[in-house]
C-alpha atoms as a PDB file:
ATOM      1  CA  MET A   1      -4.586  24.986  34.868  1.00  0.00           C
ATOM      2  CA  LYS A   2      -6.108  21.713  33.743  1.00  0.00           C
ATOM      3  CA  ILE A   3      -9.849  21.233  33.186  1.00  0.00           C
ATOM      4  CA  ARG A   4     -11.154  17.687  33.514  1.00  0.00           C
ATOM      5  CA  ARG A   5     -14.344  15.797  34.202  1.00  0.00           C
ATOM      6  CA  MET A   6     -15.328  15.529  37.826  1.00  0.00           C
ATOM      7  CA  ARG A   7     -15.007  12.123  39.501  1.00  0.00           C
ATOM      8  CA  LYS A   8     -16.621  10.914  42.702  1.00  0.00           C
ATOM      9  CA  GLU A   9     -13.129  10.711  44.214  1.00  0.00           C
ATOM     10  CA  ASP A  10     -12.959  14.521  43.974  1.00  0.00           C
ATOM     11  CA  TYR A  11     -15.816  14.966  46.444  1.00  0.00           C
ATOM     12  CA  THR A  12     -13.867  15.753  49.630  1.00  0.00           C
ATOM     13  CA  GLU A  13     -11.788  18.473  48.000  1.00  0.00           C
ATOM     14  CA  ILE A  14     -14.777  19.877  46.094  1.00  0.00           C
ATOM     15  CA  TYR A  15     -16.882  20.026  49.247  1.00  0.00           C
ATOM     16  CA  GLN A  16     -14.108  21.897  51.043  1.00  0.00           C
ATOM     17  CA  LEU A  17     -13.966  24.380  48.150  1.00  0.00           C
ATOM     18  CA  TRP A  18     -17.748  24.833  48.228  1.00  0.00           C
ATOM     19  CA  THR A  19     -17.793  25.530  51.964  1.00  0.00           C
ATOM     20  CA  ARG A  20     -15.172  28.279  51.475  1.00  0.00           C
ATOM     21  CA  SER A  21     -17.112  29.899  48.606  1.00  0.00           C
ATOM     22  CA  ASP A  22     -19.255  32.940  49.431  1.00  0.00           C
ATOM     23  CA  GLY A  23     -22.892  32.497  48.491  1.00  0.00           C
ATOM     24  CA  MET A  24     -22.653  28.749  47.919  1.00  0.00           C
ATOM     25  CA  GLY A  25     -25.884  27.139  49.083  1.00  0.00           C
ATOM     26  CA  LEU A  26     -25.415  23.518  50.085  1.00  0.00           C
ATOM     27  CA  ARG A  27     -28.166  20.997  50.685  1.00  0.00           C
ATOM     28  CA  SER A  28     -27.529  17.986  52.890  1.00  0.00           C
ATOM     29  CA  LEU A  29     -29.156  15.466  50.528  1.00  0.00           C
ATOM     30  CA  ASP A  30     -28.170  16.732  47.063  1.00  0.00           C
ATOM     31  CA  ASP A  31     -24.655  17.788  48.029  1.00  0.00           C
ATOM     32  CA  SER A  32     -23.829  14.693  50.064  1.00  0.00           C
ATOM     33  CA  VAL A  33     -21.347  12.098  48.794  1.00  0.00           C
ATOM     34  CA  GLN A  34     -24.257   9.924  47.687  1.00  0.00           C
ATOM     35  CA  GLY A  35     -26.119  12.824  46.077  1.00  0.00           C
ATOM     36  CA  ILE A  36     -23.104  13.926  44.049  1.00  0.00           C
ATOM     37  CA  GLU A  37     -22.318  10.337  43.058  1.00  0.00           C
ATOM     38  CA  LYS A  38     -25.883   9.905  41.707  1.00  0.00           C
ATOM     39  CA  PHE A  39     -25.637  13.253  39.907  1.00  0.00           C
ATOM     40  CA  LEU A  40     -22.345  12.262  38.264  1.00  0.00           C
ATOM     41  CA  LYS A  41     -23.828   8.935  37.129  1.00  0.00           C
ATOM     42  CA  ARG A  42     -26.815  10.717  35.543  1.00  0.00           C
ATOM     43  CA  ASN A  43     -24.648  13.475  34.007  1.00  0.00           C
ATOM     44  CA  PRO A  44     -21.183  11.999  33.394  1.00  0.00           C
ATOM     45  CA  ASN A  45     -20.101  14.484  30.735  1.00  0.00           C
ATOM     46  CA  THR A  46     -21.344  17.792  32.126  1.00  0.00           C
ATOM     47  CA  ASN A  47     -19.433  18.249  35.392  1.00  0.00           C
ATOM     48  CA  PHE A  48     -15.938  19.662  35.449  1.00  0.00           C
ATOM     49  CA  ILE A  49     -13.205  20.733  37.828  1.00  0.00           C
ATOM     50  CA  ALA A  50     -10.139  22.895  37.409  1.00  0.00           C
ATOM     51  CA  VAL A  51      -6.821  21.817  38.875  1.00  0.00           C
ATOM     52  CA  ALA A  52      -4.017  24.340  39.268  1.00  0.00           C
ATOM     53  CA  HIS A  53      -0.703  23.501  40.926  1.00  0.00           C
ATOM     54  CA  GLN A  54      -2.068  20.051  41.899  1.00  0.00           C
ATOM     55  CA  LYS A  55      -4.894  21.731  43.807  1.00  0.00           C
ATOM     56  CA  LEU A  56      -8.564  21.827  42.916  1.00  0.00           C
ATOM     57  CA  SER A  57      -9.427  25.450  42.253  1.00  0.00           C
ATOM     58  CA  ALA A  58     -12.954  25.418  40.807  1.00  0.00           C
ATOM     59  CA  SER A  59     -15.871  23.156  40.004  1.00  0.00           C
ATOM     60  CA  SER A  60     -18.856  23.244  37.705  1.00  0.00           C
ATOM     61  CA  CYS A  61     -21.827  20.928  38.236  1.00  0.00           C
ATOM     62  CA  ALA A  62     -24.378  21.624  35.574  1.00  0.00           C
ATOM     63  CA  ASP A  63     -25.717  20.623  32.218  1.00  0.00           C
ATOM     64  CA  MET A  64     -23.205  22.551  30.104  1.00  0.00           C
ATOM     65  CA  THR A  65     -20.567  22.029  27.479  1.00  0.00           C
ATOM     66  CA  ALA A  66     -16.866  21.758  28.231  1.00  0.00           C
ATOM     67  CA  ALA A  67     -16.328  25.227  26.696  1.00  0.00           C
ATOM     68  CA  GLU A  68     -18.970  26.783  28.967  1.00  0.00           C
ATOM     69  CA  ALA A  69     -17.515  25.022  32.005  1.00  0.00           C
ATOM     70  CA  THR A  70     -14.016  26.172  31.059  1.00  0.00           C
ATOM     71  CA  SER A  71     -15.173  29.786  30.839  1.00  0.00           C
ATOM     72  CA  ILE A  72     -16.955  29.676  34.205  1.00  0.00           C
ATOM     73  CA  THR A  73     -14.075  27.815  35.809  1.00  0.00           C
ATOM     74  CA  GLN A  74     -11.529  30.354  34.548  1.00  0.00           C
ATOM     75  CA  GLN A  75     -13.642  33.205  35.922  1.00  0.00           C
ATOM     76  CA  SER A  76     -13.958  31.436  39.277  1.00  0.00           C
ATOM     77  CA  THR A  77     -10.245  30.701  39.423  1.00  0.00           C
ATOM     78  CA  ALA A  78      -9.402  34.340  38.663  1.00  0.00           C
ATOM     79  CA  ALA A  79     -11.777  35.532  41.390  1.00  0.00           C
ATOM     80  CA  ILE A  80     -10.277  33.130  43.935  1.00  0.00           C
ATOM     81  CA  ALA A  81      -6.735  34.168  42.989  1.00  0.00           C
ATOM     82  CA  ALA A  82      -7.631  37.849  43.330  1.00  0.00           C
ATOM     83  CA  LYS A  83      -9.209  37.252  46.733  1.00  0.00           C
ATOM     84  CA  GLU A  84      -6.176  35.272  47.938  1.00  0.00           C
ATOM     85  CA  SER A  85      -3.797  37.925  46.580  1.00  0.00           C
ATOM     86  CA  ALA A  86      -5.679  40.699  48.367  1.00  0.00           C
ATOM     87  CA  SER A  87      -5.586  38.798  51.660  1.00  0.00           C
ATOM     88  CA  ASN A  88      -1.786  38.421  51.395  1.00  0.00           C
ATOM     89  CA  TRP A  89      -1.232  42.185  51.520  1.00  0.00           C
END
């Protein structure tokens, strides 16, 4: 798994991930392409994504350090993997 800073080009894949995530509240203005682009411009060093097997597996949009984002992202990735594993039975 690779952790890197989020880019505006990641939006489509991130949005798809968000819509598949239980409990994820999305707002049409803030979570639009334009809203995320503005957020990334204001906070260029605090938003991260995780890529595993060339596929986006988690995102973190917040005012946090890379270490905090890595921890949250790893937890999210593990939860997604467990859910996918359980559905394959």
